[in-house]
Amino acid sequence: MNEQLLHVLHKAERLLDRLDAILPRPLQAPEDWGSALAWRYRRQASGGGVLEAVQHLALMRFDDLLEVGSQKERLLANTRQFMAGQPANNVLLTGARGTGKSSLVRACLAQFAPQGLRLVEVDKSDLVDLPDIVAILAAAPWRFIVYCDDLSFDEGERGYKELKSILDGSIAAATPNVLVYATSNRRHLLPETMADNLHGQRGEDGEIHPGEAVEEKISLSERFGLWLSFYPFSQDEYLAIAQLWLRQLGCPAKLLPQARQQALVWALERGSRSGRVAWQFARDYVGRHGLAKPQRKAAPKSQGAKAGRSASNTQSAPSTKPARRASSKKPR
């Protein structure tokens, strides 16, 4: 009888081990937030989530971001307030593609990481888990930017209400060591139709108060306290950016006039004069003519440079292990 009981218990134990392997696990904080500057939230097949350290960062410097002076100053001031423990706002950066929105956020991380700032990137599809993520961050002795890139929602898409609750409107108080910085090509984040403006028209779904539906669509963006708008480049700005990138990548000054004309053709073919297009042209031109400067064995991390009005793509990250404060309070 004892042998049968032991056999049953052994089978039950194996079954529990299998169930434990497939059941979602609660989100856990990293053992050492100081081991990396940035973290990325990833959902697993089991349904749970994990915070993964980003080991290869595409950091920028504020000094290398050109033609976004007012946006730079306001974002820098807001982040400085946040790091000093003063009131600060969640930020929505909207506007034309390739104009430096995400680059400014990365510049914030590079500037304030030595003071205890960390960045956690959350994809739009994972925003349903945002309350759990913020709960983990609230208990950590660091300050965090929750970063959502290219944020916009379609009708009925998940994550919309969770983000609204975190930004403002929840019964819970705002988390003092967490801000949300988001970039988007849409200012109101949700699609708007011509029918939305016809308040007297009865919608297909029988909406009695269509004006309230419109208010709901714009309410999310209003919960960001600071809006920063970005605009398309003029031709002169585009050419200046392309020239800066060409110089950075090793193009001799005598070839810049020739490259200028080709940069215009490149932009015409792409239908855009963004900083990203200028960066892509410079890479193509320098690579095609074999003009690149000799590189060290470890290639510079240049993948992030395409997104902004920047004059440098070889920034090194600050130390990933800044000195901790003696107390357990959040870094200020």
Foldseek 3Di string as FASTA:
>chain_A
DVVVVVVVVVVVVVVVVVVVVLAADQEDDDPDQLQAQEWEWDADPSGYIYTHHDDADQADALVFFPPQVVVLVVVLVQLVCLLVLHDHWAEEEEADFLACQVRSVRNSSQVCVLLFEHEYEYEQLRLLCVVSVVVNVLQAQGAYEYEYEAAADEPPHPNQVSLQCQLDDPPDDHRSRYHYYYYHHDLLRYDDDPVLPVQVDQDPVRDPGSVVVVVVSNVNSVSTPYYHYGYADDLVLLLVLLLLLLVQFANDPVCSVVLSVVLVVQCVVVVGSHQLSSNVSSCCVCVVVVRGDDDDPDHAQQPPRSRHSGNDRRDDGDNSRHDDDPDRHHRD
